mmCIF file of all heavy atoms, coordinates in Angstrom:
data_MODEL
# 
_entry.id   MODEL 
# 
loop_
_atom_site.group_PDB 
_atom_site.id 
_atom_site.type_symbol 
_atom_site.label_atom_id 
_atom_site.label_alt_id 
_atom_site.label_comp_id 
_atom_site.label_asym_id 
_atom_site.label_entity_id 
_atom_site.label_seq_id 
_atom_site.pdbx_PDB_ins_code 
_atom_site.Cartn_x 
_atom_site.Cartn_y 
_atom_site.Cartn_z 
_atom_site.occupancy 
_atom_site.B_iso_or_equiv 
_atom_site.pdbx_formal_charge 
_atom_site.auth_seq_id 
_atom_site.auth_comp_id 
_atom_site.auth_asym_id 
_atom_site.auth_atom_id 
_atom_site.pdbx_PDB_model_num 
ATOM 1   N N   . PRO A 1 1  ? 312.425 56.104 204.752 1.00 0.00 ? 1  PRO A N   1 
ATOM 2   C CA  . PRO A 1 1  ? 313.413 57.191 204.783 1.00 0.00 ? 1  PRO A CA  1 
ATOM 3   C C   . PRO A 1 1  ? 313.141 58.195 205.897 1.00 0.00 ? 1  PRO A C   1 
ATOM 4   O O   . PRO A 1 1  ? 314.060 58.861 206.389 1.00 0.00 ? 1  PRO A O   1 
ATOM 5   C CB  . PRO A 1 1  ? 313.264 57.833 203.401 1.00 0.00 ? 1  PRO A CB  1 
ATOM 6   C CG  . PRO A 1 1  ? 311.921 57.409 202.903 1.00 0.00 ? 1  PRO A CG  1 
ATOM 7   C CD  . PRO A 1 1  ? 311.667 56.072 203.497 1.00 0.00 ? 1  PRO A CD  1 
ATOM 8   N N   . ALA A 1 2  ? 311.871 58.281 206.314 1.00 0.00 ? 2  ALA A N   1 
ATOM 9   C CA  . ALA A 1 2  ? 311.494 59.159 207.427 1.00 0.00 ? 2  ALA A CA  1 
ATOM 10  C C   . ALA A 1 2  ? 310.176 58.655 207.995 1.00 0.00 ? 2  ALA A C   1 
ATOM 11  O O   . ALA A 1 2  ? 309.410 57.964 207.309 1.00 0.00 ? 2  ALA A O   1 
ATOM 12  C CB  . ALA A 1 2  ? 311.358 60.606 206.958 1.00 0.00 ? 2  ALA A CB  1 
ATOM 13  N N   . GLY A 1 3  ? 309.908 58.984 209.232 1.00 0.00 ? 3  GLY A N   1 
ATOM 14  C CA  . GLY A 1 3  ? 308.638 58.618 209.822 1.00 0.00 ? 3  GLY A CA  1 
ATOM 15  C C   . GLY A 1 3  ? 307.479 59.306 209.133 1.00 0.00 ? 3  GLY A C   1 
ATOM 16  O O   . GLY A 1 3  ? 307.632 60.366 208.515 1.00 0.00 ? 3  GLY A O   1 
ATOM 17  N N   . ILE A 1 4  ? 306.289 58.717 209.218 1.00 0.00 ? 4  ILE A N   1 
ATOM 18  C CA  . ILE A 1 4  ? 305.091 59.269 208.590 1.00 0.00 ? 4  ILE A CA  1 
ATOM 19  C C   . ILE A 1 4  ? 304.014 59.455 209.660 1.00 0.00 ? 4  ILE A C   1 
ATOM 20  O O   . ILE A 1 4  ? 303.671 58.512 210.378 1.00 0.00 ? 4  ILE A O   1 
ATOM 21  C CB  . ILE A 1 4  ? 304.544 58.340 207.494 1.00 0.00 ? 4  ILE A CB  1 
ATOM 22  C CG1 . ILE A 1 4  ? 305.595 58.060 206.418 1.00 0.00 ? 4  ILE A CG1 1 
ATOM 23  C CG2 . ILE A 1 4  ? 303.284 58.926 206.877 1.00 0.00 ? 4  ILE A CG2 1 
ATOM 24  C CD1 . ILE A 1 4  ? 305.160 57.003 205.418 1.00 0.00 ? 4  ILE A CD1 1 
ATOM 25  N N   . ALA A 1 5  ? 303.510 60.661 209.746 1.00 0.00 ? 5  ALA A N   1 
ATOM 26  C CA  . ALA A 1 5  ? 302.322 60.944 210.555 1.00 0.00 ? 5  ALA A CA  1 
ATOM 27  C C   . ALA A 1 5  ? 301.350 61.686 209.654 1.00 0.00 ? 5  ALA A C   1 
ATOM 28  O O   . ALA A 1 5  ? 301.644 62.786 209.199 1.00 0.00 ? 5  ALA A O   1 
ATOM 29  C CB  . ALA A 1 5  ? 302.682 61.782 211.779 1.00 0.00 ? 5  ALA A CB  1 
ATOM 30  N N   . SER A 1 6  ? 300.208 61.082 209.374 1.00 0.00 ? 6  SER A N   1 
ATOM 31  C CA  . SER A 1 6  ? 299.281 61.717 208.444 1.00 0.00 ? 6  SER A CA  1 
ATOM 32  C C   . SER A 1 6  ? 297.855 61.613 208.976 1.00 0.00 ? 6  SER A C   1 
ATOM 33  O O   . SER A 1 6  ? 297.496 60.661 209.675 1.00 0.00 ? 6  SER A O   1 
ATOM 34  C CB  . SER A 1 6  ? 299.377 61.079 207.056 1.00 0.00 ? 6  SER A CB  1 
ATOM 35  O OG  . SER A 1 6  ? 298.856 59.765 207.057 1.00 0.00 ? 6  SER A OG  1 
ATOM 36  N N   . LEU A 1 7  ? 297.067 62.589 208.576 1.00 0.00 ? 7  LEU A N   1 
ATOM 37  C CA  . LEU A 1 7  ? 295.648 62.636 208.910 1.00 0.00 ? 7  LEU A CA  1 
ATOM 38  C C   . LEU A 1 7  ? 294.877 63.012 207.662 1.00 0.00 ? 7  LEU A C   1 
ATOM 39  O O   . LEU A 1 7  ? 295.198 64.018 207.013 1.00 0.00 ? 7  LEU A O   1 
ATOM 40  C CB  . LEU A 1 7  ? 295.389 63.658 210.023 1.00 0.00 ? 7  LEU A CB  1 
ATOM 41  C CG  . LEU A 1 7  ? 293.910 63.858 210.419 1.00 0.00 ? 7  LEU A CG  1 
ATOM 42  C CD1 . LEU A 1 7  ? 293.343 62.585 211.027 1.00 0.00 ? 7  LEU A CD1 1 
ATOM 43  C CD2 . LEU A 1 7  ? 293.762 65.041 211.377 1.00 0.00 ? 7  LEU A CD2 1 
ATOM 44  N N   . THR A 1 8  ? 293.859 62.197 207.317 1.00 0.00 ? 8  THR A N   1 
ATOM 45  C CA  . THR A 1 8  ? 293.030 62.452 206.148 1.00 0.00 ? 8  THR A CA  1 
ATOM 46  C C   . THR A 1 8  ? 291.596 62.669 206.589 1.00 0.00 ? 8  THR A C   1 
ATOM 47  O O   . THR A 1 8  ? 291.056 61.885 207.381 1.00 0.00 ? 8  THR A O   1 
ATOM 48  C CB  . THR A 1 8  ? 293.080 61.269 205.160 1.00 0.00 ? 8  THR A CB  1 
ATOM 49  O OG1 . THR A 1 8  ? 294.434 61.011 204.794 1.00 0.00 ? 8  THR A OG1 1 
ATOM 50  C CG2 . THR A 1 8  ? 292.261 61.573 203.914 1.00 0.00 ? 8  THR A CG2 1 
ATOM 51  N N   . LEU A 1 9  ? 290.987 63.747 206.081 1.00 0.00 ? 9  LEU A N   1 
ATOM 52  C CA  . LEU A 1 9  ? 289.590 64.054 206.356 1.00 0.00 ? 9  LEU A CA  1 
ATOM 53  C C   . LEU A 1 9  ? 288.859 64.196 205.032 1.00 0.00 ? 9  LEU A C   1 
ATOM 54  O O   . LEU A 1 9  ? 289.400 64.757 204.071 1.00 0.00 ? 9  LEU A O   1 
ATOM 55  C CB  . LEU A 1 9  ? 289.462 65.342 207.166 1.00 0.00 ? 9  LEU A CB  1 
ATOM 56  C CG  . LEU A 1 9  ? 290.148 65.364 208.535 1.00 0.00 ? 9  LEU A CG  1 
ATOM 57  C CD1 . LEU A 1 9  ? 290.025 66.745 209.163 1.00 0.00 ? 9  LEU A CD1 1 
ATOM 58  C CD2 . LEU A 1 9  ? 289.573 64.299 209.458 1.00 0.00 ? 9  LEU A CD2 1 
ATOM 59  N N   . GLY A 1 10 ? 287.628 63.683 204.984 1.00 0.00 ? 10 GLY A N   1 
ATOM 60  C CA  . GLY A 1 10 ? 286.849 63.774 203.764 1.00 0.00 ? 10 GLY A CA  1 
ATOM 61  C C   . GLY A 1 10 ? 285.377 63.846 204.048 1.00 0.00 ? 10 GLY A C   1 
ATOM 62  O O   . GLY A 1 10 ? 284.935 63.850 205.204 1.00 0.00 ? 10 GLY A O   1 
ATOM 63  N N   . GLN A 1 11 ? 284.603 63.889 202.979 1.00 0.00 ? 11 GLN A N   1 
ATOM 64  C CA  . GLN A 1 11 ? 283.159 63.954 203.112 1.00 0.00 ? 11 GLN A CA  1 
ATOM 65  C C   . GLN A 1 11 ? 282.623 62.654 203.702 1.00 0.00 ? 11 GLN A C   1 
ATOM 66  O O   . GLN A 1 11 ? 283.293 61.622 203.727 1.00 0.00 ? 11 GLN A O   1 
ATOM 67  C CB  . GLN A 1 11 ? 282.536 64.204 201.741 1.00 0.00 ? 11 GLN A CB  1 
ATOM 68  C CG  . GLN A 1 11 ? 282.892 65.557 201.136 1.00 0.00 ? 11 GLN A CG  1 
ATOM 69  C CD  . GLN A 1 11 ? 282.544 65.636 199.662 1.00 0.00 ? 11 GLN A CD  1 
ATOM 70  O OE1 . GLN A 1 11 ? 283.312 65.206 198.818 1.00 0.00 ? 11 GLN A OE1 1 
ATOM 71  N NE2 . GLN A 1 11 ? 281.374 66.194 199.370 1.00 0.00 ? 11 GLN A NE2 1 
ATOM 72  N N   . ASN A 1 12 ? 281.385 62.702 204.164 1.00 0.00 ? 12 ASN A N   1 
ATOM 73  C CA  . ASN A 1 12 ? 280.689 61.541 204.699 1.00 0.00 ? 12 ASN A CA  1 
ATOM 74  C C   . ASN A 1 12 ? 281.456 60.910 205.862 1.00 0.00 ? 12 ASN A C   1 
ATOM 75  O O   . ASN A 1 12 ? 281.547 59.699 205.986 1.00 0.00 ? 12 ASN A O   1 
ATOM 76  C CB  . ASN A 1 12 ? 280.452 60.503 203.598 1.00 0.00 ? 12 ASN A CB  1 
ATOM 77  C CG  . ASN A 1 12 ? 279.689 61.067 202.421 1.00 0.00 ? 12 ASN A CG  1 
ATOM 78  O OD1 . ASN A 1 12 ? 278.627 61.662 202.606 1.00 0.00 ? 12 ASN A OD1 1 
ATOM 79  N ND2 . ASN A 1 12 ? 280.231 60.917 201.222 1.00 0.00 ? 12 ASN A ND2 1 
ATOM 80  N N   . ARG A 1 13 ? 282.039 61.793 206.683 1.00 0.00 ? 13 ARG A N   1 
ATOM 81  C CA  . ARG A 1 13 ? 282.735 61.390 207.914 1.00 0.00 ? 13 ARG A CA  1 
ATOM 82  C C   . ARG A 1 13 ? 283.912 60.463 207.633 1.00 0.00 ? 13 ARG A C   1 
ATOM 83  O O   . ARG A 1 13 ? 284.258 59.624 208.465 1.00 0.00 ? 13 ARG A O   1 
ATOM 84  C CB  . ARG A 1 13 ? 281.749 60.738 208.891 1.00 0.00 ? 13 ARG A CB  1 
ATOM 85  C CG  . ARG A 1 13 ? 280.566 61.622 209.294 1.00 0.00 ? 13 ARG A CG  1 
ATOM 86  C CD  . ARG A 1 13 ? 279.686 60.930 210.288 1.00 0.00 ? 13 ARG A CD  1 
ATOM 87  N NE  . ARG A 1 13 ? 280.341 60.776 211.592 1.00 0.00 ? 13 ARG A NE  1 
ATOM 88  C CZ  . ARG A 1 13 ? 279.837 60.061 212.585 1.00 0.00 ? 13 ARG A CZ  1 
ATOM 89  N NH1 . ARG A 1 13 ? 278.678 59.429 212.429 1.00 0.00 ? 13 ARG A NH1 1 
ATOM 90  N NH2 . ARG A 1 13 ? 280.490 59.969 213.725 1.00 0.00 ? 13 ARG A NH2 1 
ATOM 91  N N   . TYR A 1 14 ? 284.543 60.643 206.490 1.00 0.00 ? 14 TYR A N   1 
ATOM 92  C CA  . TYR A 1 14 ? 285.739 59.853 206.213 1.00 0.00 ? 14 TYR A CA  1 
ATOM 93  C C   . TYR A 1 14 ? 286.898 60.390 207.044 1.00 0.00 ? 14 TYR A C   1 
ATOM 94  O O   . TYR A 1 14 ? 287.204 61.595 207.029 1.00 0.00 ? 14 TYR A O   1 
ATOM 95  C CB  . TYR A 1 14 ? 286.117 59.913 204.728 1.00 0.00 ? 14 TYR A CB  1 
ATOM 96  C CG  . TYR A 1 14 ? 287.363 59.092 204.421 1.00 0.00 ? 14 TYR A CG  1 
ATOM 97  C CD1 . TYR A 1 14 ? 287.257 57.751 204.088 1.00 0.00 ? 14 TYR A CD1 1 
ATOM 98  C CD2 . TYR A 1 14 ? 288.639 59.655 204.516 1.00 0.00 ? 14 TYR A CD2 1 
ATOM 99  C CE1 . TYR A 1 14 ? 288.394 56.996 203.838 1.00 0.00 ? 14 TYR A CE1 1 
ATOM 100 C CE2 . TYR A 1 14 ? 289.771 58.902 204.277 1.00 0.00 ? 14 TYR A CE2 1 
ATOM 101 C CZ  . TYR A 1 14 ? 289.641 57.571 203.932 1.00 0.00 ? 14 TYR A CZ  1 
ATOM 102 O OH  . TYR A 1 14 ? 290.768 56.822 203.694 1.00 0.00 ? 14 TYR A OH  1 
ATOM 103 N N   . THR A 1 15 ? 287.556 59.517 207.782 1.00 0.00 ? 15 THR A N   1 
ATOM 104 C CA  . THR A 1 15 ? 288.706 59.878 208.597 1.00 0.00 ? 15 THR A CA  1 
ATOM 105 C C   . THR A 1 15 ? 289.718 58.749 208.542 1.00 0.00 ? 15 THR A C   1 
ATOM 106 O O   . THR A 1 15 ? 289.349 57.572 208.658 1.00 0.00 ? 15 THR A O   1 
ATOM 107 C CB  . THR A 1 15 ? 288.303 60.116 210.073 1.00 0.00 ? 15 THR A CB  1 
ATOM 108 O OG1 . THR A 1 15 ? 287.243 61.057 210.131 1.00 0.00 ? 15 THR A OG1 1 
ATOM 109 C CG2 . THR A 1 15 ? 289.487 60.642 210.868 1.00 0.00 ? 15 THR A CG2 1 
ATOM 110 N N   . ARG A 1 16 ? 290.980 59.106 208.353 1.00 0.00 ? 16 ARG A N   1 
ATOM 111 C CA  . ARG A 1 16 ? 292.041 58.101 208.393 1.00 0.00 ? 16 ARG A CA  1 
ATOM 112 C C   . ARG A 1 16 ? 293.269 58.722 209.055 1.00 0.00 ? 16 ARG A C   1 
ATOM 113 O O   . ARG A 1 16 ? 293.661 59.853 208.724 1.00 0.00 ? 16 ARG A O   1 
ATOM 114 C CB  . ARG A 1 16 ? 292.403 57.621 206.989 1.00 0.00 ? 16 ARG A CB  1 
ATOM 115 C CG  . ARG A 1 16 ? 293.526 56.565 206.998 1.00 0.00 ? 16 ARG A CG  1 
ATOM 116 C CD  . ARG A 1 16 ? 293.932 56.132 205.609 1.00 0.00 ? 16 ARG A CD  1 
ATOM 117 N NE  . ARG A 1 16 ? 294.987 55.128 205.681 1.00 0.00 ? 16 ARG A NE  1 
ATOM 118 C CZ  . ARG A 1 16 ? 296.109 55.167 204.979 1.00 0.00 ? 16 ARG A CZ  1 
ATOM 119 N NH1 . ARG A 1 16 ? 296.338 56.171 204.139 1.00 0.00 ? 16 ARG A NH1 1 
ATOM 120 N NH2 . ARG A 1 16 ? 297.015 54.218 205.103 1.00 0.00 ? 16 ARG A NH2 1 
ATOM 121 N N   . ALA A 1 17 ? 293.868 57.975 209.986 1.00 0.00 ? 17 ALA A N   1 
ATOM 122 C CA  . ALA A 1 17 ? 295.081 58.411 210.658 1.00 0.00 ? 17 ALA A CA  1 
ATOM 123 C C   . ALA A 1 17 ? 296.138 57.324 210.499 1.00 0.00 ? 17 ALA A C   1 
ATOM 124 O O   . ALA A 1 17 ? 295.853 56.139 210.705 1.00 0.00 ? 17 ALA A O   1 
ATOM 125 C CB  . ALA A 1 17 ? 294.821 58.698 212.128 1.00 0.00 ? 17 ALA A CB  1 
ATOM 126 N N   . LEU A 1 18 ? 297.359 57.725 210.129 1.00 0.00 ? 18 LEU A N   1 
ATOM 127 C CA  . LEU A 1 18 ? 298.448 56.781 209.928 1.00 0.00 ? 18 LEU A CA  1 
ATOM 128 C C   . LEU A 1 18 ? 299.681 57.265 210.670 1.00 0.00 ? 18 LEU A C   1 
ATOM 129 O O   . LEU A 1 18 ? 300.070 58.434 210.592 1.00 0.00 ? 18 LEU A O   1 
ATOM 130 C CB  . LEU A 1 18 ? 298.776 56.657 208.438 1.00 0.00 ? 18 LEU A CB  1 
ATOM 131 C CG  . LEU A 1 18 ? 300.048 55.865 208.077 1.00 0.00 ? 18 LEU A CG  1 
ATOM 132 C CD1 . LEU A 1 18 ? 299.906 54.401 208.471 1.00 0.00 ? 18 LEU A CD1 1 
ATOM 133 C CD2 . LEU A 1 18 ? 300.366 55.999 206.584 1.00 0.00 ? 18 LEU A CD2 1 
ATOM 134 N N   . LEU A 1 19 ? 300.318 56.347 211.392 1.00 0.00 ? 19 LEU A N   1 
ATOM 135 C CA  . LEU A 1 19 ? 301.590 56.599 212.042 1.00 0.00 ? 19 LEU A CA  1 
ATOM 136 C C   . LEU A 1 19 ? 302.514 55.448 211.669 1.00 0.00 ? 19 LEU A C   1 
ATOM 137 O O   . LEU A 1 19 ? 302.184 54.283 211.894 1.00 0.00 ? 19 LEU A O   1 
ATOM 138 C CB  . LEU A 1 19 ? 301.434 56.686 213.558 1.00 0.00 ? 19 LEU A CB  1 
ATOM 139 C CG  . LEU A 1 19 ? 302.728 56.874 214.358 1.00 0.00 ? 19 LEU A CG  1 
ATOM 140 C CD1 . LEU A 1 19 ? 303.334 58.243 214.082 1.00 0.00 ? 19 LEU A CD1 1 
ATOM 141 C CD2 . LEU A 1 19 ? 302.468 56.691 215.849 1.00 0.00 ? 19 LEU A CD2 1 
ATOM 142 N N   . ALA A 1 20 ? 303.684 55.758 211.099 1.00 0.00 ? 20 ALA A N   1 
ATOM 143 C CA  . ALA A 1 20 ? 304.633 54.719 210.694 1.00 0.00 ? 20 ALA A CA  1 
ATOM 144 C C   . ALA A 1 20 ? 306.048 55.251 210.826 1.00 0.00 ? 20 ALA A C   1 
ATOM 145 O O   . ALA A 1 20 ? 306.324 56.416 210.509 1.00 0.00 ? 20 ALA A O   1 
ATOM 146 C CB  . ALA A 1 20 ? 304.368 54.277 209.252 1.00 0.00 ? 20 ALA A CB  1 
ATOM 147 N N   . LYS A 1 21 ? 306.955 54.389 211.270 1.00 0.00 ? 21 LYS A N   1 
ATOM 148 C CA  . LYS A 1 21 ? 308.345 54.804 211.422 1.00 0.00 ? 21 LYS A CA  1 
ATOM 149 C C   . LYS A 1 21 ? 309.225 53.562 211.501 1.00 0.00 ? 21 LYS A C   1 
ATOM 150 O O   . LYS A 1 21 ? 308.804 52.515 211.971 1.00 0.00 ? 21 LYS A O   1 
ATOM 151 C CB  . LYS A 1 21 ? 308.545 55.651 212.682 1.00 0.00 ? 21 LYS A CB  1 
ATOM 152 C CG  . LYS A 1 21 ? 309.964 56.221 212.840 1.00 0.00 ? 21 LYS A CG  1 
ATOM 153 C CD  . LYS A 1 21 ? 310.056 57.157 214.004 1.00 0.00 ? 21 LYS A CD  1 
ATOM 154 C CE  . LYS A 1 21 ? 311.479 57.651 214.239 1.00 0.00 ? 21 LYS A CE  1 
ATOM 155 N NZ  . LYS A 1 21 ? 312.040 58.353 213.053 1.00 0.00 ? 21 LYS A NZ  1 
ATOM 156 N N   . SER A 1 22 ? 310.458 53.689 211.035 1.00 0.00 ? 22 SER A N   1 
ATOM 157 C CA  . SER A 1 22 ? 311.460 52.636 211.222 1.00 0.00 ? 22 SER A CA  1 
ATOM 158 C C   . SER A 1 22 ? 312.603 53.213 212.047 1.00 0.00 ? 22 SER A C   1 
ATOM 159 O O   . SER A 1 22 ? 312.944 54.392 211.942 1.00 0.00 ? 22 SER A O   1 
ATOM 160 C CB  . SER A 1 22 ? 311.975 52.126 209.874 1.00 0.00 ? 22 SER A CB  1 
ATOM 161 O OG  . SER A 1 22 ? 312.520 53.170 209.092 1.00 0.00 ? 22 SER A OG  1 
ATOM 162 N N   . THR A 1 23 ? 313.190 52.343 212.858 1.00 0.00 ? 23 THR A N   1 
ATOM 163 C CA  . THR A 1 23 ? 314.265 52.770 213.743 1.00 0.00 ? 23 THR A CA  1 
ATOM 164 C C   . THR A 1 23 ? 315.267 51.647 213.911 1.00 0.00 ? 23 THR A C   1 
ATOM 165 O O   . THR A 1 23 ? 314.916 50.469 213.775 1.00 0.00 ? 23 THR A O   1 
ATOM 166 C CB  . THR A 1 23 ? 313.686 53.183 215.117 1.00 0.00 ? 23 THR A CB  1 
ATOM 167 O OG1 . THR A 1 23 ? 314.721 53.683 215.935 1.00 0.00 ? 23 THR A OG1 1 
ATOM 168 C CG2 . THR A 1 23 ? 313.022 52.007 215.809 1.00 0.00 ? 23 THR A CG2 1 
ATOM 169 N N   . ALA A 1 24 ? 316.500 52.000 214.193 1.00 0.00 ? 24 ALA A N   1 
ATOM 170 C CA  . ALA A 1 24 ? 317.528 50.998 214.422 1.00 0.00 ? 24 ALA A CA  1 
ATOM 171 C C   . ALA A 1 24 ? 317.187 50.181 215.660 1.00 0.00 ? 24 ALA A C   1 
ATOM 172 O O   . ALA A 1 24 ? 316.754 50.716 216.685 1.00 0.00 ? 24 ALA A O   1 
ATOM 173 C CB  . ALA A 1 24 ? 318.894 51.648 214.565 1.00 0.00 ? 24 ALA A CB  1 
ATOM 174 N N   . ALA A 1 25 ? 317.404 48.861 215.540 1.00 0.00 ? 25 ALA A N   1 
ATOM 175 C CA  . ALA A 1 25 ? 317.160 47.959 216.669 1.00 0.00 ? 25 ALA A CA  1 
ATOM 176 C C   . ALA A 1 25 ? 318.206 46.854 216.609 1.00 0.00 ? 25 ALA A C   1 
ATOM 177 O O   . ALA A 1 25 ? 318.122 45.967 215.760 1.00 0.00 ? 25 ALA A O   1 
ATOM 178 C CB  . ALA A 1 25 ? 315.755 47.373 216.607 1.00 0.00 ? 25 ALA A CB  1 
ATOM 179 N N   . GLY A 1 26 ? 319.197 46.925 217.460 1.00 0.00 ? 26 GLY A N   1 
ATOM 180 C CA  . GLY A 1 26 ? 320.275 45.961 217.415 1.00 0.00 ? 26 GLY A CA  1 
ATOM 181 C C   . GLY A 1 26 ? 321.029 46.075 216.105 1.00 0.00 ? 26 GLY A C   1 
ATOM 182 O O   . GLY A 1 26 ? 321.404 47.163 215.661 1.00 0.00 ? 26 GLY A O   1 
ATOM 183 N N   . ALA A 1 27 ? 321.217 44.943 215.454 1.00 0.00 ? 27 ALA A N   1 
ATOM 184 C CA  . ALA A 1 27 ? 321.925 44.921 214.174 1.00 0.00 ? 27 ALA A CA  1 
ATOM 185 C C   . ALA A 1 27 ? 320.997 45.169 212.988 1.00 0.00 ? 27 ALA A C   1 
ATOM 186 O O   . ALA A 1 27 ? 321.445 45.146 211.836 1.00 0.00 ? 27 ALA A O   1 
ATOM 187 C CB  . ALA A 1 27 ? 322.627 43.579 213.991 1.00 0.00 ? 27 ALA A CB  1 
ATOM 188 N N   . GLY A 1 28 ? 319.694 45.409 213.252 1.00 0.00 ? 28 GLY A N   1 
ATOM 189 C CA  . GLY A 1 28 ? 318.743 45.578 212.153 1.00 0.00 ? 28 GLY A CA  1 
ATOM 190 C C   . GLY A 1 28 ? 317.879 46.807 212.303 1.00 0.00 ? 28 GLY A C   1 
ATOM 191 O O   . GLY A 1 28 ? 318.243 47.773 212.977 1.00 0.00 ? 28 GLY A O   1 
# 
């Protein structure tokens, strides 16, 4: 429904980055 840009930080050097999006491309 919308693009996602997220950043997660935690103890013990936990790091996660996510980028996701959908967009029209031709007929799909």
